[in-house]
C-alpha atoms as a PDB file:
ATOM      1  CA  MET A   1       0.000   0.000   0.000  1.00  0.00           C
ATOM      2  CA  ARG A   2       1.321   3.406  -0.879  1.00  0.00           C
ATOM      3  CA  ALA A   3       2.088   5.963   1.840  1.00  0.00           C
ATOM      4  CA  THR A   4      -0.825   8.200   0.785  1.00  0.00           C
ATOM      5  CA  ASN A   5      -3.366   5.401   1.155  1.00  0.00           C
ATOM      6  CA  THR A   6      -1.857   4.423   4.517  1.00  0.00           C
ATOM      7  CA  ARG A   7      -2.258   7.958   5.814  1.00  0.00           C
ATOM      8  CA  TRP A   8      -5.915   8.074   4.787  1.00  0.00           C
ATOM      9  CA  VAL A   9      -6.553   4.795   6.615  1.00  0.00           C
ATOM     10  CA  LEU A  10      -4.946   6.199   9.766  1.00  0.00           C
ATOM     11  CA  VAL A  11      -6.965   9.415   9.532  1.00  0.00           C
ATOM     12  CA  ILE A  12     -10.156   7.367   9.293  1.00  0.00           C
ATOM     13  CA  LEU A  13      -9.006   5.268  12.266  1.00  0.00           C
ATOM     14  CA  LEU A  14      -8.465   8.453  14.272  1.00  0.00           C
ATOM     15  CA  LEU A  15     -11.953   9.698  13.433  1.00  0.00           C
ATOM     16  CA  VAL A  16     -13.479   6.382  14.463  1.00  0.00           C
ATOM     17  CA  THR A  17     -11.529   6.533  17.738  1.00  0.00           C
ATOM     18  CA  PHE A  18     -12.811  10.040  18.475  1.00  0.00           C
ATOM     19  CA  LEU A  19     -16.375   8.957  17.753  1.00  0.00           C
ATOM     20  CA  ALA A  20     -16.028   5.935  20.019  1.00  0.00           C
ATOM     21  CA  ALA A  21     -14.622   8.069  22.816  1.00  0.00           C
ATOM     22  CA  GLY A  22     -17.184  10.828  22.392  1.00  0.00           C
ATOM     23  CA  CYS A  23     -20.317   8.718  22.220  1.00  0.00           C
ATOM     24  CA  SER A  24     -22.006   7.889  25.506  1.00  0.00           C
ATOM     25  CA  LEU A  25     -23.795   4.579  25.412  1.00  0.00           C
ATOM     26  CA  LYS A  26     -27.060   5.140  27.189  1.00  0.00           C
ATOM     27  CA  SER A  27     -28.261   2.393  29.446  1.00  0.00           C
ATOM     28  CA  THR A  28     -30.973   0.576  27.532  1.00  0.00           C
ATOM     29  CA  SER A  29     -32.776  -2.685  27.780  1.00  0.00           C
ATOM     30  CA  VAL A  30     -33.887  -4.937  24.929  1.00  0.00           C
ATOM     31  CA  LYS A  31     -36.564  -7.488  25.554  1.00  0.00           C
ATOM     32  CA  LEU A  32     -35.778 -10.909  24.101  1.00  0.00           C
ATOM     33  CA  GLY A  33     -38.581 -13.205  25.144  1.00  0.00           C
ATOM     34  CA  ARG A  34     -38.173 -13.419  28.884  1.00  0.00           C
ATOM     35  CA  VAL A  35     -34.529 -12.277  28.906  1.00  0.00           C
ATOM     36  CA  TYR A  36     -33.306  -8.650  28.996  1.00  0.00           C
ATOM     37  CA  VAL A  37     -29.886  -7.800  27.558  1.00  0.00           C
ATOM     38  CA  TYR A  38     -28.432  -4.708  29.202  1.00  0.00           C
ATOM     39  CA  SER A  39     -25.691  -2.597  27.576  1.00  0.00           C
ATOM     40  CA  ASP A  40     -24.354  -0.208  30.178  1.00  0.00           C
ATOM     41  CA  TYR A  41     -21.306   1.589  28.694  1.00  0.00           C
ATOM     42  CA  GLY A  42     -19.099  -1.316  28.523  1.00  0.00           C
ATOM     43  CA  LEU A  43     -16.978  -4.111  27.146  1.00  0.00           C
ATOM     44  CA  PHE A  44     -15.750  -7.709  27.009  1.00  0.00           C
ATOM     45  CA  GLU A  45     -17.343  -9.206  30.121  1.00  0.00           C
ATOM     46  CA  THR A  46     -20.058 -11.673  29.051  1.00  0.00           C
ATOM     47  CA  THR A  47     -22.600 -13.900  30.698  1.00  0.00           C
ATOM     48  CA  ARG A  48     -24.637 -16.588  28.953  1.00  0.00           C
ATOM     49  CA  ARG A  49     -28.252 -17.441  29.728  1.00  0.00           C
ATOM     50  CA  THR A  50     -30.312 -20.289  28.318  1.00  0.00           C
ATOM     51  CA  VAL A  51     -34.059 -20.087  27.749  1.00  0.00           C
ATOM     52  CA  GLY A  52     -35.535 -23.127  26.098  1.00  0.00           C
ATOM     53  CA  ALA A  53     -33.637 -23.877  22.876  1.00  0.00           C
ATOM     54  CA  PHE A  54     -32.227 -20.325  22.606  1.00  0.00           C
ATOM     55  CA  ASN A  55     -29.007 -18.860  24.014  1.00  0.00           C
ATOM     56  CA  PHE A  56     -28.797 -15.193  24.865  1.00  0.00           C
ATOM     57  CA  VAL A  57     -25.616 -13.297  25.698  1.00  0.00           C
ATOM     58  CA  SER A  58     -25.654 -10.309  27.976  1.00  0.00           C
ATOM     59  CA  VAL A  59     -22.694  -8.056  27.245  1.00  0.00           C
ATOM     60  CA  ILE A  60     -21.845  -5.848  30.183  1.00  0.00           C
ATOM     61  CA  LEU A  61     -19.688  -2.863  29.317  1.00  0.00           C
ATOM     62  CA  SER A  62     -17.338  -0.964  31.572  1.00  0.00           C
ATOM     63  CA  VAL A  63     -16.867   2.764  31.032  1.00  0.00           C
ATOM     64  CA  GLU A  64     -13.324   2.586  32.426  1.00  0.00           C
ATOM     65  CA  LYS A  65     -12.343  -0.095  29.916  1.00  0.00           C
ATOM     66  CA  ILE A  66     -13.815   1.759  26.942  1.00  0.00           C
ATOM     67  CA  LYS A  67     -11.879   4.877  27.938  1.00  0.00           C
ATOM     68  CA  THR A  68      -8.645   2.873  28.229  1.00  0.00           C
ATOM     69  CA  LEU A  69      -9.161   1.217  24.859  1.00  0.00           C
ATOM     70  CA  THR A  70      -9.976   4.449  23.030  1.00  0.00           C
ATOM     71  CA  GLY A  71      -6.958   6.101  24.628  1.00  0.00           C
ATOM     72  CA  ILE A  72      -4.670   3.328  23.405  1.00  0.00           C
ATOM     73  CA  LEU A  73      -6.174   3.477  19.917  1.00  0.00           C
ATOM     74  CA  PHE A  74      -5.800   7.242  19.854  1.00  0.00           C
ATOM     75  CA  PHE A  75      -2.098   7.318  20.748  1.00  0.00           C
ATOM     76  CA  LEU A  76      -1.345   4.357  18.465  1.00  0.00           C
ATOM     77  CA  SER A  77      -3.073   6.096  15.554  1.00  0.00           C
ATOM     78  CA  VAL A  78      -1.220   9.365  16.195  1.00  0.00           C
ATOM     79  CA  PHE A  79       2.127   7.524  16.360  1.00  0.00           C
ATOM     80  CA  LEU A  80       1.515   5.645  13.115  1.00  0.00           C
ATOM     81  CA  LEU A  81       0.256   8.774  11.369  1.00  0.00           C
ATOM     82  CA  LEU A  82       3.371  10.731  12.357  1.00  0.00           C
ATOM     83  CA  ALA A  83       5.587   7.811  11.333  1.00  0.00           C
ATOM     84  CA  THR A  84       4.151   7.866   7.805  1.00  0.00           C
ATOM     85  CA  CYS A  85       4.400  11.655   7.463  1.00  0.00           C
ATOM     86  CA  GLY A  86       8.182  11.695   7.128  1.00  0.00           C
ATOM     87  CA  PRO A  87       9.985  12.543   3.900  1.00  0.00           C
ATOM     88  CA  ALA A  88       8.950  10.182   1.121  1.00  0.00           C
ATOM     89  CA  THR A  89      11.687   7.953  -0.231  1.00  0.00           C
ATOM     90  CA  ASP A  90      12.172   7.290  -3.927  1.00  0.00           C
ATOM     91  CA  THR A  91      10.170   4.410  -5.265  1.00  0.00           C
ATOM     92  CA  PRO A  92      11.488   2.667  -8.432  1.00  0.00           C
ATOM     93  CA  LYS A  93       8.955   4.600 -10.491  1.00  0.00           C
ATOM     94  CA  THR A  94       9.824   8.078  -9.192  1.00  0.00           C
ATOM     95  CA  ARG A  95      13.540   7.283  -9.356  1.00  0.00           C
ATOM     96  CA  LYS A  96      13.263   6.321 -13.012  1.00  0.00           C
ATOM     97  CA  GLN A  97      11.247   9.459 -13.689  1.00  0.00           C
ATOM     98  CA  LYS A  98      14.009  11.577 -12.162  1.00  0.00           C
ATOM     99  CA  LEU A  99      16.562   9.842 -14.371  1.00  0.00           C
ATOM    100  CA  GLN A 100      14.386  10.438 -17.421  1.00  0.00           C
ATOM    101  CA  ASP A 101      14.026  14.115 -16.484  1.00  0.00           C
ATOM    102  CA  HIS A 102      17.821  14.334 -16.281  1.00  0.00           C
ATOM    103  CA  ILE A 103      18.113  12.748 -19.728  1.00  0.00           C
ATOM    104  CA  SER A 104      15.702  15.324 -21.151  1.00  0.00           C
ATOM    105  CA  ALA A 105      17.663  18.164 -19.534  1.00  0.00           C
ATOM    106  CA  VAL A 106      20.999  17.003 -20.980  1.00  0.00           C
ATOM    107  CA  CYS A 107      19.498  16.340 -24.422  1.00  0.00           C
ATOM    108  CA  ALA A 108      18.111  19.879 -24.406  1.00  0.00           C
ATOM    109  CA  LEU A 109      21.652  21.343 -24.374  1.00  0.00           C
ATOM    110  CA  PRO A 110      22.550  23.136 -27.636  1.00  0.00           C
ATOM    111  CA  GLU A 111      25.511  20.876 -28.401  1.00  0.00           C
ATOM    112  CA  ILE A 112      23.429  17.698 -28.068  1.00  0.00           C
ATOM    113  CA  THR A 113      21.395  16.448 -31.032  1.00  0.00           C
ATOM    114  CA  VAL A 114      20.544  12.942 -29.827  1.00  0.00           C
ATOM    115  CA  THR A 115      16.985  12.496 -28.621  1.00  0.00           C
ATOM    116  CA  SER A 116      15.943  11.489 -25.124  1.00  0.00           C
ATOM    117  CA  ASN A 117      14.050   8.533 -26.622  1.00  0.00           C
ATOM    118  CA  LEU A 118      17.242   7.201 -28.198  1.00  0.00           C
ATOM    119  CA  VAL A 119      19.092   7.548 -24.886  1.00  0.00           C
ATOM    120  CA  ALA A 120      16.287   5.783 -23.019  1.00  0.00           C
ATOM    121  CA  SER A 121      16.337   2.928 -25.546  1.00  0.00           C
ATOM    122  CA  LEU A 122      20.102   2.670 -25.194  1.00  0.00           C
ATOM    123  CA  ILE A 123      19.858   2.420 -21.398  1.00  0.00           C
ATOM    124  CA  THR A 124      17.173  -0.265 -21.734  1.00  0.00           C
ATOM    125  CA  ASN A 125      19.433  -2.313 -24.001  1.00  0.00           C
ATOM    126  CA  GLU A 126      22.594  -1.680 -22.012  1.00  0.00           C
ATOM    127  CA  SER A 127      21.476  -2.135 -18.403  1.00  0.00           C
ATOM    128  CA  GLU A 128      17.666  -2.408 -18.302  1.00  0.00           C
ATOM    129  CA  TRP A 129      17.732   0.612 -15.946  1.00  0.00           C
ATOM    130  CA  VAL A 130      19.547  -1.325 -13.217  1.00  0.00           C
ATOM    131  CA  GLU A 131      21.754   1.182 -11.429  1.00  0.00           C
ATOM    132  CA  GLY A 132      25.292   0.256 -10.425  1.00  0.00           C
ATOM    133  CA  VAL A 133      25.426  -2.762 -12.733  1.00  0.00           C
ATOM    134  CA  ILE A 134      28.868  -3.875 -13.922  1.00  0.00           C
ATOM    135  CA  GLY A 135      29.214  -5.543 -17.329  1.00  0.00           C
ATOM    136  CA  ASP A 136      31.298  -8.571 -18.275  1.00  0.00           C
ATOM    137  CA  ASP A 137      34.135  -6.342 -19.472  1.00  0.00           C
ATOM    138  CA  GLY A 138      33.910  -3.942 -16.532  1.00  0.00           C
ATOM    139  CA  GLU A 139      31.386  -1.550 -18.101  1.00  0.00           C
ATOM    140  CA  LEU A 140      29.856   0.710 -15.490  1.00  0.00           C
ATOM    141  CA  GLY A 141      26.379   1.992 -14.697  1.00  0.00           C
ATOM    142  CA  LEU A 142      23.229   2.589 -16.666  1.00  0.00           C
ATOM    143  CA  MET A 143      25.078   3.575 -19.842  1.00  0.00           C
ATOM    144  CA  GLN A 144      27.659   0.777 -19.430  1.00  0.00           C
ATOM    145  CA  LEU A 145      30.668   3.045 -19.858  1.00  0.00           C
ATOM    146  CA  LEU A 146      34.160   1.589 -20.043  1.00  0.00           C
ATOM    147  CA  PRO A 147      36.427   2.342 -17.060  1.00  0.00           C
ATOM    148  CA  ALA A 148      38.840   3.987 -19.518  1.00  0.00           C
ATOM    149  CA  THR A 149      36.185   6.638 -20.211  1.00  0.00           C
ATOM    150  CA  TYR A 150      36.313   7.799 -16.601  1.00  0.00           C
ATOM    151  CA  LYS A 151      40.104   8.064 -16.845  1.00  0.00           C
ATOM    152  CA  GLN A 152      39.823  10.743 -19.496  1.00  0.00           C
ATOM    153  CA  LYS A 153      40.809  14.147 -18.198  1.00  0.00           C
ATOM    154  CA  LYS A 154      37.409  15.758 -18.712  1.00  0.00           C
ATOM    155  CA  TYR A 155      35.602  12.947 -16.848  1.00  0.00           C
ATOM    156  CA  ARG A 156      38.222  12.088 -14.220  1.00  0.00           C
ATOM    157  CA  HIS A 157      36.552  14.121 -11.463  1.00  0.00           C
ATOM    158  CA  LEU A 158      33.175  12.384 -11.888  1.00  0.00           C
ATOM    159  CA  ASN A 159      31.867   9.530  -9.773  1.00  0.00           C
ATOM    160  CA  PRO A 160      31.298   6.227 -11.653  1.00  0.00           C
ATOM    161  CA  SER A 161      28.641   5.162  -9.138  1.00  0.00           C
ATOM    162  CA  ASN A 162      26.553   8.306  -9.684  1.00  0.00           C
ATOM    163  CA  SER A 163      23.821   7.395 -12.158  1.00  0.00           C
ATOM    164  CA  PHE A 164      23.121  10.986 -13.177  1.00  0.00           C
ATOM    165  CA  GLU A 165      26.785  11.619 -14.005  1.00  0.00           C
ATOM    166  CA  ASN A 166      26.931   8.251 -15.766  1.00  0.00           C
ATOM    167  CA  ILE A 167      24.030   9.321 -17.986  1.00  0.00           C
ATOM    168  CA  SER A 168      25.610  12.705 -18.726  1.00  0.00           C
ATOM    169  CA  ILE A 169      28.888  11.127 -19.834  1.00  0.00           C
ATOM    170  CA  GLY A 170      27.068   8.445 -21.819  1.00  0.00           C
ATOM    171  CA  ILE A 171      25.069  11.039 -23.740  1.00  0.00           C
ATOM    172  CA  TYR A 172      28.259  12.887 -24.712  1.00  0.00           C
ATOM    173  CA  VAL A 173      29.871   9.608 -25.786  1.00  0.00           C
ATOM    174  CA  LEU A 174      26.806   8.812 -27.889  1.00  0.00           C
ATOM    175  CA  GLN A 175      26.866  12.331 -29.329  1.00  0.00           C
ATOM    176  CA  ASN A 176      30.491  11.805 -30.398  1.00  0.00           C
ATOM    177  CA  CYS A 177      29.385   8.657 -32.230  1.00  0.00           C
ATOM    178  CA  VAL A 178      26.602  10.584 -33.964  1.00  0.00           C
ATOM    179  CA  ASN A 179      29.066  13.306 -34.945  1.00  0.00           C
ATOM    180  CA  SER A 180      31.354  10.645 -36.421  1.00  0.00           C
ATOM    181  CA  PHE A 181      28.512   9.152 -38.492  1.00  0.00           C
ATOM    182  CA  PRO A 182      26.013  12.012 -38.921  1.00  0.00           C
ATOM    183  CA  ASP A 183      24.097  10.431 -41.793  1.00  0.00           C
ATOM    184  CA  ASP A 184      23.921   6.875 -40.460  1.00  0.00           C
ATOM    185  CA  LEU A 185      22.113   6.322 -37.154  1.00  0.00           C
ATOM    186  CA  ALA A 186      22.746   2.569 -37.278  1.00  0.00           C
ATOM    187  CA  ALA A 187      26.475   3.203 -37.591  1.00  0.00           C
ATOM    188  CA  ALA A 188      26.358   5.707 -34.706  1.00  0.00           C
ATOM    189  CA  VAL A 189      24.518   3.273 -32.439  1.00  0.00           C
ATOM    190  CA  GLY A 190      26.866   0.460 -33.435  1.00  0.00           C
ATOM    191  CA  ALA A 191      29.874   2.710 -32.759  1.00  0.00           C
ATOM    192  CA  TYR A 192      28.656   3.155 -29.180  1.00  0.00           C
ATOM    193  CA  ASN A 193      28.908  -0.620 -28.815  1.00  0.00           C
ATOM    194  CA  CYS A 194      32.130  -1.460 -30.663  1.00  0.00           C
ATOM    195  CA  GLY A 195      33.824   1.930 -30.908  1.00  0.00           C
ATOM    196  CA  PRO A 196      33.954   4.495 -33.749  1.00  0.00           C
ATOM    197  CA  ARG A 197      37.232   3.109 -35.095  1.00  0.00           C
ATOM    198  CA  ARG A 198      35.891  -0.424 -35.509  1.00  0.00           C
ATOM    199  CA  MET A 199      32.753   0.930 -37.149  1.00  0.00           C
ATOM    200  CA  ARG A 200      34.864   3.015 -39.545  1.00  0.00           C
ATOM    201  CA  HIS A 201      36.847  -0.110 -40.480  1.00  0.00           C
ATOM    202  CA  CYS A 202      33.592  -1.924 -41.262  1.00  0.00           C
ATOM    203  CA  LEU A 203      32.325   0.849 -43.494  1.00  0.00           C
ATOM    204  CA  GLU A 204      35.667   1.018 -45.278  1.00  0.00           C
ATOM    205  CA  GLY A 205      35.729  -2.740 -45.872  1.00  0.00           C
ATOM    206  CA  ILE A 206      38.685  -3.417 -43.567  1.00  0.00           C
ATOM    207  CA  ARG A 207      37.075  -5.446 -40.771  1.00  0.00           C
ATOM    208  CA  ARG A 208      33.582  -6.793 -40.329  1.00  0.00           C
ATOM    209  CA  LEU A 209      31.465  -5.912 -37.330  1.00  0.00           C
ATOM    210  CA  PRO A 210      31.394  -8.322 -34.391  1.00  0.00           C
ATOM    211  CA  LYS A 211      28.229 -10.411 -34.151  1.00  0.00           C
ATOM    212  CA  ARG A 212      27.315  -8.808 -30.823  1.00  0.00           C
ATOM    213  CA  THR A 213      27.390  -5.354 -32.456  1.00  0.00           C
ATOM    214  CA  ARG A 214      25.129  -6.449 -35.311  1.00  0.00           C
ATOM    215  CA  LEU A 215      22.659  -7.893 -32.787  1.00  0.00           C
ATOM    216  CA  TYR A 216      22.950  -4.748 -30.689  1.00  0.00           C
ATOM    217  CA  ILE A 217      21.999  -2.531 -33.630  1.00  0.00           C
ATOM    218  CA  LYS A 218      18.982  -4.719 -34.421  1.00  0.00           C
ATOM    219  CA  LYS A 219      17.643  -4.172 -30.876  1.00  0.00           C
ATOM    220  CA  PHE A 220      16.995  -0.560 -31.884  1.00  0.00           C
ATOM    221  CA  GLY A 221      14.998  -1.660 -34.908  1.00  0.00           C
ATOM    222  CA  LEU A 222      17.848  -0.642 -37.218  1.00  0.00           C
ATOM    223  CA  LYS A 223      19.590  -2.537 -39.979  1.00  0.00           C
ATOM    224  CA  PRO A 224      23.354  -3.042 -39.493  1.00  0.00           C
ATOM    225  CA  PRO A 225      25.530  -1.011 -41.876  1.00  0.00           C
ATOM    226  CA  VAL A 226      26.693  -2.706 -45.054  1.00  0.00           C
ATOM    227  CA  TYR A 227      30.277  -3.918 -44.976  1.00  0.00           C
ATOM    228  CA  GLY A 228      32.431  -1.727 -47.203  1.00  0.00           C
ATOM    229  CA  LYS A 229      29.663   0.826 -47.636  1.00  0.00           C
ATOM    230  CA  LEU A 230      32.003   3.799 -47.890  1.00  0.00           C
ATOM    231  CA  LEU A 231      34.236   1.920 -50.321  1.00  0.00           C
ATOM    232  CA  LYS A 232      31.275   1.187 -52.584  1.00  0.00           C
ATOM    233  CA  VAL A 233      30.136   4.800 -52.443  1.00  0.00           C
ATOM    234  CA  ALA A 234      33.611   5.970 -53.382  1.00  0.00           C
ATOM    235  CA  LYS A 235      33.756   3.572 -56.363  1.00  0.00           C
ATOM    236  CA  SER A 236      30.334   4.615 -57.621  1.00  0.00           C
ATOM    237  CA  ALA A 237      31.341   8.268 -57.484  1.00  0.00           C
ATOM    238  CA  LYS A 238      34.240   7.717 -59.936  1.00  0.00           C
END
């Protein structure tokens, strides 16, 4: 149950407690055949009477006991209500929303042309939004950055375990890939996985892409670049 619903339940419990404490149960009698059941303010103490085939229970209430019970309920309700009124902690949903808001803020910078949707898809494929995850080759965080990236001078002061900083660096790395292959999104995405140099070798017909990179590109709904694409373009231009 969410904290908001819990607080409403406790508020209702407090109201019920006040009503129970404020109501005075008038002494009444109810005629049941030959037996009278008396309710005189009270609680818990019972006596059983038998008349023919019927059993009747006379519940005798004690005003002292009802006051004690309502007092306990009142203080318990107040304690629980105060306990749930503290600062709300991040749930997985709100945490992810904060990360997505950070992505949108970074992508809104003038030097960034990649979209927040592309970054979100990349995080889903890289880490499935699991913070602090470490890849098989030591990749770090949501964007699965190589440790060597953090050793670069411009990123050396940043904390690898900080997801927001991890996203910021990852977006700039992705932007560098897009700048290297401005007219080929599949090549840019693949370069994020295997590196711009390896992607350039593929396009120039020097080395083919690793299988994992081809599969990685397909996860984005893109078709892997054609081997030797740049070489073929150069030949056709002659």
